[in-house]
Amino acid sequence: MDSNGHTSPGRLSLAFDLAWAGGLLALLCLLTSWLAQLPLTFIALAAILYIAVCVCAGFAWPRGQDFGWANRATLLRSTLVITLVALAPYAGNLVGENGSTGGLWLYSVVALLALLLDGVDGRVARATGSQSDFGARFDMELDALFILGLCVAVLALGKAGVWVLALGLMRYGFVAASLLLPWMNQPLPDSFRRKTICVWQIVTLLVAILPPATPLFVSTTLATALALLVWSFSLDIRWLYQRRHCHDSC
């Protein structure tokens, strides 16, 4: 509310957007839980993740501004990503007792849809001139969560060892390190290499969860993705380290 007791249109818009997305997420989770016979922990995990999204959006989004169609597109994608991530630990449940893999194929299709929707928010932002640091960060964090969820699904399916989680945890390790090393908090320049490796990660993980993908094939492709990711992070860390004195003097 403002000083006259009126509700801020931007804040009301954000609350409304978070509400419809939360309702859609609830429907997706209830339907998924019923179809796959999942425990309540699945819904609890999805709820925790979405509450985190709401809290972060509430603190980060400027007061009095409309949430915008680009952010709404990202929010829509977040309902799919959160459902997939919450379902990832139970990916084994998607394979029937008789060996049927229909549920796993459906999981793969929804994951592919979430990947295809990744480019929609950027196009909308450019078309409407509504690019923002918040939107870019929202999209990036959603990608990171998506990758981690796919890693958990691959592990739950037994197609790779626990090492596969390094693909999803490396960025979070980078963020944790930046809390101890302030020079790592400098903004990185846009990089085609970084974007390409991110897409390669997601594609190889998507292929890994497909029923025909064998553990040997999965381990080989994901090990390659991990090597590329380590190389990419090492280049970024080196770039930041070389400019650490500029950061300290600013």
C-alpha atoms as a PDB file:
ATOM      1  CA  MET A   1       0.000   0.000   0.000  1.00  0.00           C
ATOM      2  CA  ASP A   2       1.054   3.585  -0.598  1.00  0.00           C
ATOM      3  CA  SER A   3       0.713   6.483   1.792  1.00  0.00           C
ATOM      4  CA  ASN A   4      -2.915   7.002   0.720  1.00  0.00           C
ATOM      5  CA  GLY A   5      -3.885   3.451   1.526  1.00  0.00           C
ATOM      6  CA  HIS A   6      -4.078   2.294  -2.097  1.00  0.00           C
ATOM      7  CA  THR A   7      -2.592  -1.002  -3.204  1.00  0.00           C
ATOM      8  CA  SER A   8       0.368  -0.687  -5.544  1.00  0.00           C
ATOM      9  CA  PRO A   9      -0.612  -1.928  -9.016  1.00  0.00           C
ATOM     10  CA  GLY A  10       2.835  -3.459  -9.544  1.00  0.00           C
ATOM     11  CA  ARG A  11       2.739  -5.308  -6.246  1.00  0.00           C
ATOM     12  CA  LEU A  12      -0.806  -6.491  -6.921  1.00  0.00           C
ATOM     13  CA  SER A  13       0.306  -7.662 -10.358  1.00  0.00           C
ATOM     14  CA  LEU A  14       3.196  -9.635  -8.892  1.00  0.00           C
ATOM     15  CA  ALA A  15       0.918 -11.257  -6.311  1.00  0.00           C
ATOM     16  CA  PHE A  16      -1.585 -12.176  -9.019  1.00  0.00           C
ATOM     17  CA  ASP A  17       1.116 -13.633 -11.264  1.00  0.00           C
ATOM     18  CA  LEU A  18       2.572 -15.701  -8.444  1.00  0.00           C
ATOM     19  CA  ALA A  19      -0.935 -16.874  -7.553  1.00  0.00           C
ATOM     20  CA  TRP A  20      -1.895 -18.156 -11.025  1.00  0.00           C
ATOM     21  CA  ALA A  21       1.474 -19.837 -11.435  1.00  0.00           C
ATOM     22  CA  GLY A  22       1.098 -21.422  -8.009  1.00  0.00           C
ATOM     23  CA  GLY A  23      -2.344 -22.710  -8.947  1.00  0.00           C
ATOM     24  CA  LEU A  24      -1.020 -24.182 -12.190  1.00  0.00           C
ATOM     25  CA  LEU A  25       1.869 -25.810 -10.332  1.00  0.00           C
ATOM     26  CA  ALA A  26      -0.545 -27.316  -7.803  1.00  0.00           C
ATOM     27  CA  LEU A  27      -2.631 -28.842 -10.606  1.00  0.00           C
ATOM     28  CA  LEU A  28       0.468 -30.260 -12.317  1.00  0.00           C
ATOM     29  CA  CYS A  29       1.762 -31.753  -9.080  1.00  0.00           C
ATOM     30  CA  LEU A  30      -1.584 -33.272  -8.070  1.00  0.00           C
ATOM     31  CA  LEU A  31      -2.003 -34.829 -11.512  1.00  0.00           C
ATOM     32  CA  THR A  32       1.575 -36.135 -11.519  1.00  0.00           C
ATOM     33  CA  SER A  33       1.249 -37.524  -8.003  1.00  0.00           C
ATOM     34  CA  TRP A  34      -1.959 -39.341  -8.920  1.00  0.00           C
ATOM     35  CA  LEU A  35      -0.593 -40.796 -12.152  1.00  0.00           C
ATOM     36  CA  ALA A  36       2.760 -41.930 -10.742  1.00  0.00           C
ATOM     37  CA  GLN A  37       1.566 -42.829  -7.231  1.00  0.00           C
ATOM     38  CA  LEU A  38       4.109 -40.553  -5.578  1.00  0.00           C
ATOM     39  CA  PRO A  39       4.561 -39.868  -1.842  1.00  0.00           C
ATOM     40  CA  LEU A  40       3.628 -36.560  -0.239  1.00  0.00           C
ATOM     41  CA  THR A  41       7.299 -35.606  -0.159  1.00  0.00           C
ATOM     42  CA  PHE A  42       7.031 -34.937  -3.897  1.00  0.00           C
ATOM     43  CA  ILE A  43       4.382 -32.258  -3.350  1.00  0.00           C
ATOM     44  CA  ALA A  44       6.273 -30.912  -0.323  1.00  0.00           C
ATOM     45  CA  LEU A  45       9.465 -30.502  -2.358  1.00  0.00           C
ATOM     46  CA  ALA A  46       7.590 -28.738  -5.166  1.00  0.00           C
ATOM     47  CA  ALA A  47       5.954 -26.411  -2.616  1.00  0.00           C
ATOM     48  CA  ILE A  48       9.316 -25.553  -1.009  1.00  0.00           C
ATOM     49  CA  LEU A  49      10.857 -24.745  -4.376  1.00  0.00           C
ATOM     50  CA  TYR A  50       7.955 -22.533  -5.409  1.00  0.00           C
ATOM     51  CA  ILE A  51       7.909 -20.718  -2.074  1.00  0.00           C
ATOM     52  CA  ALA A  52      11.591 -19.958  -2.650  1.00  0.00           C
ATOM     53  CA  VAL A  53      10.709 -18.516  -6.075  1.00  0.00           C
ATOM     54  CA  CYS A  54       7.977 -16.347  -4.537  1.00  0.00           C
ATOM     55  CA  VAL A  55      10.235 -15.067  -1.760  1.00  0.00           C
ATOM     56  CA  CYS A  56      13.067 -14.212  -4.151  1.00  0.00           C
ATOM     57  CA  ALA A  57      10.699 -12.501  -6.597  1.00  0.00           C
ATOM     58  CA  GLY A  58       9.032 -10.559  -3.790  1.00  0.00           C
ATOM     59  CA  PHE A  59      12.353  -9.178  -2.570  1.00  0.00           C
ATOM     60  CA  ALA A  60      14.037  -8.636  -5.936  1.00  0.00           C
ATOM     61  CA  TRP A  61      11.237  -7.237  -8.113  1.00  0.00           C
ATOM     62  CA  PRO A  62      10.971  -3.404  -7.883  1.00  0.00           C
ATOM     63  CA  ARG A  63       7.860  -2.088  -6.192  1.00  0.00           C
ATOM     64  CA  GLY A  64       5.232  -0.483  -8.367  1.00  0.00           C
ATOM     65  CA  GLN A  65       6.312  -2.140 -11.616  1.00  0.00           C
ATOM     66  CA  ASP A  66       4.277  -4.541 -13.709  1.00  0.00           C
ATOM     67  CA  PHE A  67       5.850  -8.014 -13.734  1.00  0.00           C
ATOM     68  CA  GLY A  68       5.935  -8.031 -17.526  1.00  0.00           C
ATOM     69  CA  TRP A  69       5.186 -10.669 -20.137  1.00  0.00           C
ATOM     70  CA  ALA A  70       8.758 -11.872 -20.419  1.00  0.00           C
ATOM     71  CA  ASN A  71       8.887 -12.674 -16.698  1.00  0.00           C
ATOM     72  CA  ARG A  72       5.467 -14.286 -16.954  1.00  0.00           C
ATOM     73  CA  ALA A  73       6.828 -16.584 -19.668  1.00  0.00           C
ATOM     74  CA  THR A  74       9.703 -17.541 -17.352  1.00  0.00           C
ATOM     75  CA  LEU A  75       7.239 -18.032 -14.503  1.00  0.00           C
ATOM     76  CA  LEU A  76       5.157 -20.340 -16.691  1.00  0.00           C
ATOM     77  CA  ARG A  77       8.267 -22.383 -17.499  1.00  0.00           C
ATOM     78  CA  SER A  78       9.098 -22.510 -13.794  1.00  0.00           C
ATOM     79  CA  THR A  79       5.943 -24.536 -13.115  1.00  0.00           C
ATOM     80  CA  LEU A  80       7.194 -27.240 -15.500  1.00  0.00           C
ATOM     81  CA  VAL A  81      10.759 -27.104 -14.191  1.00  0.00           C
ATOM     82  CA  ILE A  82       9.717 -27.318 -10.528  1.00  0.00           C
ATOM     83  CA  THR A  83       7.423 -30.263 -11.269  1.00  0.00           C
ATOM     84  CA  LEU A  84      10.261 -32.053 -13.090  1.00  0.00           C
ATOM     85  CA  VAL A  85      12.800 -31.311 -10.349  1.00  0.00           C
ATOM     86  CA  ALA A  86      10.469 -32.465  -7.564  1.00  0.00           C
ATOM     87  CA  LEU A  87       9.756 -35.630  -9.543  1.00  0.00           C
ATOM     88  CA  ALA A  88      13.435 -36.332 -10.312  1.00  0.00           C
ATOM     89  CA  PRO A  89      14.224 -38.318  -7.121  1.00  0.00           C
ATOM     90  CA  TYR A  90      11.294 -40.605  -7.986  1.00  0.00           C
ATOM     91  CA  ALA A  91      12.181 -41.058 -11.662  1.00  0.00           C
ATOM     92  CA  GLY A  92      12.454 -44.788 -11.043  1.00  0.00           C
ATOM     93  CA  ASN A  93       8.717 -44.825 -10.278  1.00  0.00           C
ATOM     94  CA  LEU A  94       8.084 -43.893 -13.896  1.00  0.00           C
ATOM     95  CA  VAL A  95       9.228 -47.330 -15.033  1.00  0.00           C
ATOM     96  CA  GLY A  96       6.414 -49.828 -14.527  1.00  0.00           C
ATOM     97  CA  GLU A  97       6.827 -53.167 -12.761  1.00  0.00           C
ATOM     98  CA  ASN A  98       6.412 -54.868 -16.128  1.00  0.00           C
ATOM     99  CA  GLY A  99       9.163 -52.709 -17.605  1.00  0.00           C
ATOM    100  CA  SER A 100       6.846 -50.233 -19.340  1.00  0.00           C
ATOM    101  CA  THR A 101       8.501 -46.877 -19.963  1.00  0.00           C
ATOM    102  CA  GLY A 102       5.523 -44.710 -20.940  1.00  0.00           C
ATOM    103  CA  GLY A 103       5.884 -42.553 -17.834  1.00  0.00           C
ATOM    104  CA  LEU A 104       9.563 -41.971 -18.507  1.00  0.00           C
ATOM    105  CA  TRP A 105       8.855 -40.994 -22.112  1.00  0.00           C
ATOM    106  CA  LEU A 106       6.261 -38.488 -20.862  1.00  0.00           C
ATOM    107  CA  TYR A 107       8.814 -37.069 -18.404  1.00  0.00           C
ATOM    108  CA  SER A 108      11.267 -36.668 -21.298  1.00  0.00           C
ATOM    109  CA  VAL A 109       8.694 -34.885 -23.464  1.00  0.00           C
ATOM    110  CA  VAL A 110       7.808 -32.417 -20.700  1.00  0.00           C
ATOM    111  CA  ALA A 111      11.520 -31.812 -20.077  1.00  0.00           C
ATOM    112  CA  LEU A 112      12.000 -31.108 -23.785  1.00  0.00           C
ATOM    113  CA  LEU A 113       9.067 -28.675 -23.676  1.00  0.00           C
ATOM    114  CA  ALA A 114      10.693 -26.891 -20.721  1.00  0.00           C
ATOM    115  CA  LEU A 115      13.898 -26.601 -22.754  1.00  0.00           C
ATOM    116  CA  LEU A 116      12.093 -25.235 -25.827  1.00  0.00           C
ATOM    117  CA  LEU A 117      10.307 -22.638 -23.691  1.00  0.00           C
ATOM    118  CA  ASP A 118      13.694 -21.394 -22.480  1.00  0.00           C
ATOM    119  CA  GLY A 119      14.048 -19.084 -25.466  1.00  0.00           C
ATOM    120  CA  VAL A 120      10.528 -17.660 -25.333  1.00  0.00           C
ATOM    121  CA  ASP A 121      11.103 -15.221 -22.480  1.00  0.00           C
ATOM    122  CA  GLY A 122      14.141 -13.705 -24.194  1.00  0.00           C
ATOM    123  CA  ARG A 123      12.242 -13.165 -27.435  1.00  0.00           C
ATOM    124  CA  VAL A 124       9.332 -11.597 -25.561  1.00  0.00           C
ATOM    125  CA  ALA A 125      11.688  -9.324 -23.629  1.00  0.00           C
ATOM    126  CA  ARG A 126      13.361  -8.112 -26.830  1.00  0.00           C
ATOM    127  CA  ALA A 127      10.031  -7.667 -28.610  1.00  0.00           C
ATOM    128  CA  THR A 128       8.576  -5.610 -25.761  1.00  0.00           C
ATOM    129  CA  GLY A 129      11.787  -3.809 -24.787  1.00  0.00           C
ATOM    130  CA  SER A 130      11.486  -5.167 -21.250  1.00  0.00           C
ATOM    131  CA  GLN A 131      14.928  -6.700 -20.713  1.00  0.00           C
ATOM    132  CA  SER A 132      16.002  -6.537 -17.079  1.00  0.00           C
ATOM    133  CA  ASP A 133      18.714  -7.849 -14.768  1.00  0.00           C
ATOM    134  CA  PHE A 134      15.983  -9.562 -12.763  1.00  0.00           C
ATOM    135  CA  GLY A 135      14.652 -11.398 -15.827  1.00  0.00           C
ATOM    136  CA  ALA A 136      18.123 -12.550 -16.865  1.00  0.00           C
ATOM    137  CA  ARG A 137      18.887 -13.787 -13.336  1.00  0.00           C
ATOM    138  CA  PHE A 138      15.483 -15.476 -13.020  1.00  0.00           C
ATOM    139  CA  ASP A 139      16.062 -17.339 -16.272  1.00  0.00           C
ATOM    140  CA  MET A 140      19.615 -18.320 -15.313  1.00  0.00           C
ATOM    141  CA  GLU A 141      18.647 -19.652 -11.884  1.00  0.00           C
ATOM    142  CA  LEU A 142      15.805 -21.637 -13.435  1.00  0.00           C
ATOM    143  CA  ASP A 143      18.247 -23.195 -15.913  1.00  0.00           C
ATOM    144  CA  ALA A 144      20.583 -24.130 -13.048  1.00  0.00           C
ATOM    145  CA  LEU A 145      17.730 -25.765 -11.124  1.00  0.00           C
ATOM    146  CA  PHE A 146      16.589 -27.591 -14.263  1.00  0.00           C
ATOM    147  CA  ILE A 147      20.076 -29.016 -14.848  1.00  0.00           C
ATOM    148  CA  LEU A 148      20.370 -30.162 -11.231  1.00  0.00           C
ATOM    149  CA  GLY A 149      16.965 -31.854 -11.442  1.00  0.00           C
ATOM    150  CA  LEU A 150      17.935 -33.731 -14.595  1.00  0.00           C
ATOM    151  CA  CYS A 151      21.143 -34.879 -12.889  1.00  0.00           C
ATOM    152  CA  VAL A 152      19.113 -36.259  -9.986  1.00  0.00           C
ATOM    153  CA  ALA A 153      16.787 -38.039 -12.437  1.00  0.00           C
ATOM    154  CA  VAL A 154      19.732 -39.692 -14.215  1.00  0.00           C
ATOM    155  CA  LEU A 155      21.110 -40.814 -10.857  1.00  0.00           C
ATOM    156  CA  ALA A 156      17.712 -42.109  -9.703  1.00  0.00           C
ATOM    157  CA  LEU A 157      17.419 -44.148 -12.908  1.00  0.00           C
ATOM    158  CA  GLY A 158      20.784 -45.747 -12.211  1.00  0.00           C
ATOM    159  CA  LYS A 159      22.282 -44.630 -15.527  1.00  0.00           C
ATOM    160  CA  ALA A 160      25.264 -42.853 -13.939  1.00  0.00           C
ATOM    161  CA  GLY A 161      26.978 -42.685 -10.574  1.00  0.00           C
ATOM    162  CA  VAL A 162      26.774 -39.950  -7.975  1.00  0.00           C
ATOM    163  CA  TRP A 163      29.461 -38.039  -9.885  1.00  0.00           C
ATOM    164  CA  VAL A 164      26.773 -36.868 -12.322  1.00  0.00           C
ATOM    165  CA  LEU A 165      25.543 -34.452  -9.641  1.00  0.00           C
ATOM    166  CA  ALA A 166      28.713 -32.423 -10.221  1.00  0.00           C
ATOM    167  CA  LEU A 167      27.119 -31.187 -13.454  1.00  0.00           C
ATOM    168  CA  GLY A 168      24.302 -29.592 -11.500  1.00  0.00           C
ATOM    169  CA  LEU A 169      26.204 -28.552  -8.381  1.00  0.00           C
ATOM    170  CA  MET A 170      29.199 -26.858  -9.979  1.00  0.00           C
ATOM    171  CA  ARG A 171      27.461 -23.527 -10.452  1.00  0.00           C
ATOM    172  CA  TYR A 172      26.199 -23.565  -6.855  1.00  0.00           C
ATOM    173  CA  GLY A 173      29.758 -24.282  -5.752  1.00  0.00           C
ATOM    174  CA  PHE A 174      30.889 -21.252  -7.768  1.00  0.00           C
ATOM    175  CA  VAL A 175      28.283 -19.078  -6.030  1.00  0.00           C
ATOM    176  CA  ALA A 176      29.358 -20.409  -2.606  1.00  0.00           C
ATOM    177  CA  ALA A 177      33.012 -19.673  -3.405  1.00  0.00           C
ATOM    178  CA  SER A 178      32.124 -16.118  -4.425  1.00  0.00           C
ATOM    179  CA  LEU A 179      30.833 -15.520  -0.895  1.00  0.00           C
ATOM    180  CA  LEU A 180      34.336 -16.200   0.423  1.00  0.00           C
ATOM    181  CA  LEU A 181      36.240 -14.593  -2.457  1.00  0.00           C
ATOM    182  CA  PRO A 182      34.727 -11.184  -3.279  1.00  0.00           C
ATOM    183  CA  TRP A 183      36.681 -10.856  -6.541  1.00  0.00           C
ATOM    184  CA  MET A 184      34.548 -13.677  -7.937  1.00  0.00           C
ATOM    185  CA  ASN A 185      31.469 -11.456  -7.649  1.00  0.00           C
ATOM    186  CA  GLN A 186      32.429  -9.375 -10.678  1.00  0.00           C
ATOM    187  CA  PRO A 187      29.968  -9.603 -13.582  1.00  0.00           C
ATOM    188  CA  LEU A 188      31.119 -11.878 -16.381  1.00  0.00           C
ATOM    189  CA  PRO A 189      30.829 -10.754 -20.015  1.00  0.00           C
ATOM    190  CA  ASP A 190      28.381 -12.522 -22.298  1.00  0.00           C
ATOM    191  CA  SER A 191      29.895 -15.691 -23.672  1.00  0.00           C
ATOM    192  CA  PHE A 192      28.778 -17.858 -26.575  1.00  0.00           C
ATOM    193  CA  ARG A 193      31.004 -20.594 -25.176  1.00  0.00           C
ATOM    194  CA  ARG A 194      29.207 -20.533 -21.823  1.00  0.00           C
ATOM    195  CA  LYS A 195      25.751 -20.595 -23.435  1.00  0.00           C
ATOM    196  CA  THR A 196      26.721 -23.426 -25.788  1.00  0.00           C
ATOM    197  CA  ILE A 197      28.045 -25.615 -22.987  1.00  0.00           C
ATOM    198  CA  CYS A 198      24.916 -24.945 -20.924  1.00  0.00           C
ATOM    199  CA  VAL A 199      22.716 -26.111 -23.806  1.00  0.00           C
ATOM    200  CA  TRP A 200      24.990 -29.125 -24.349  1.00  0.00           C
ATOM    201  CA  GLN A 201      24.581 -30.050 -20.669  1.00  0.00           C
ATOM    202  CA  ILE A 202      20.811 -29.974 -20.883  1.00  0.00           C
ATOM    203  CA  VAL A 203      20.658 -31.854 -24.188  1.00  0.00           C
ATOM    204  CA  THR A 204      22.962 -34.659 -23.002  1.00  0.00           C
ATOM    205  CA  LEU A 205      20.972 -34.948 -19.767  1.00  0.00           C
ATOM    206  CA  LEU A 206      17.712 -35.081 -21.712  1.00  0.00           C
ATOM    207  CA  VAL A 207      19.100 -37.840 -23.916  1.00  0.00           C
ATOM    208  CA  ALA A 208      20.372 -39.652 -20.824  1.00  0.00           C
ATOM    209  CA  ILE A 209      16.906 -40.070 -19.334  1.00  0.00           C
ATOM    210  CA  LEU A 210      15.458 -41.554 -22.525  1.00  0.00           C
ATOM    211  CA  PRO A 211      14.680 -45.266 -22.072  1.00  0.00           C
ATOM    212  CA  PRO A 212      16.908 -46.461 -24.969  1.00  0.00           C
ATOM    213  CA  ALA A 213      20.007 -44.660 -23.603  1.00  0.00           C
ATOM    214  CA  THR A 214      22.391 -47.215 -22.093  1.00  0.00           C
ATOM    215  CA  PRO A 215      24.508 -46.524 -18.976  1.00  0.00           C
ATOM    216  CA  LEU A 216      27.719 -46.710 -21.036  1.00  0.00           C
ATOM    217  CA  PHE A 217      26.451 -44.164 -23.568  1.00  0.00           C
ATOM    218  CA  VAL A 218      25.127 -41.933 -20.793  1.00  0.00           C
ATOM    219  CA  SER A 219      28.382 -42.047 -18.809  1.00  0.00           C
ATOM    220  CA  THR A 220      30.440 -41.208 -21.893  1.00  0.00           C
ATOM    221  CA  THR A 221      28.361 -38.239 -23.022  1.00  0.00           C
ATOM    222  CA  LEU A 222      27.898 -36.819 -19.535  1.00  0.00           C
ATOM    223  CA  ALA A 223      31.587 -37.210 -18.705  1.00  0.00           C
ATOM    224  CA  THR A 224      32.311 -35.164 -21.837  1.00  0.00           C
ATOM    225  CA  ALA A 225      29.788 -32.538 -20.712  1.00  0.00           C
ATOM    226  CA  LEU A 226      31.407 -32.437 -17.270  1.00  0.00           C
ATOM    227  CA  ALA A 227      34.872 -31.969 -18.773  1.00  0.00           C
ATOM    228  CA  LEU A 228      33.591 -29.081 -20.914  1.00  0.00           C
ATOM    229  CA  LEU A 229      31.905 -27.529 -17.890  1.00  0.00           C
ATOM    230  CA  VAL A 230      35.084 -27.730 -15.791  1.00  0.00           C
ATOM    231  CA  TRP A 231      37.017 -26.110 -18.650  1.00  0.00           C
ATOM    232  CA  SER A 232      34.434 -23.328 -18.984  1.00  0.00           C
ATOM    233  CA  PHE A 233      34.397 -22.570 -15.265  1.00  0.00           C
ATOM    234  CA  SER A 234      38.189 -22.559 -15.127  1.00  0.00           C
ATOM    235  CA  LEU A 235      38.311 -19.956 -17.907  1.00  0.00           C
ATOM    236  CA  ASP A 236      35.784 -17.753 -16.094  1.00  0.00           C
ATOM    237  CA  ILE A 237      37.595 -18.064 -12.766  1.00  0.00           C
ATOM    238  CA  ARG A 238      40.909 -17.218 -14.437  1.00  0.00           C
ATOM    239  CA  TRP A 239      39.318 -14.158 -16.092  1.00  0.00           C
ATOM    240  CA  LEU A 240      37.940 -12.988 -12.745  1.00  0.00           C
ATOM    241  CA  TYR A 241      41.212 -13.647 -10.910  1.00  0.00           C
ATOM    242  CA  GLN A 242      43.198 -11.600 -13.403  1.00  0.00           C
ATOM    243  CA  ARG A 243      40.905  -8.639 -12.680  1.00  0.00           C
ATOM    244  CA  ARG A 244      40.765  -9.066  -8.906  1.00  0.00           C
ATOM    245  CA  HIS A 245      42.819  -5.906  -8.217  1.00  0.00           C
ATOM    246  CA  CYS A 246      40.366  -3.806 -10.223  1.00  0.00           C
ATOM    247  CA  HIS A 247      37.573  -5.212  -8.077  1.00  0.00           C
ATOM    248  CA  ASP A 248      39.427  -4.466  -4.827  1.00  0.00           C
ATOM    249  CA  SER A 249      40.113  -0.868  -5.863  1.00  0.00           C
ATOM    250  CA  CYS A 250      36.526  -0.108  -6.887  1.00  0.00           C
END
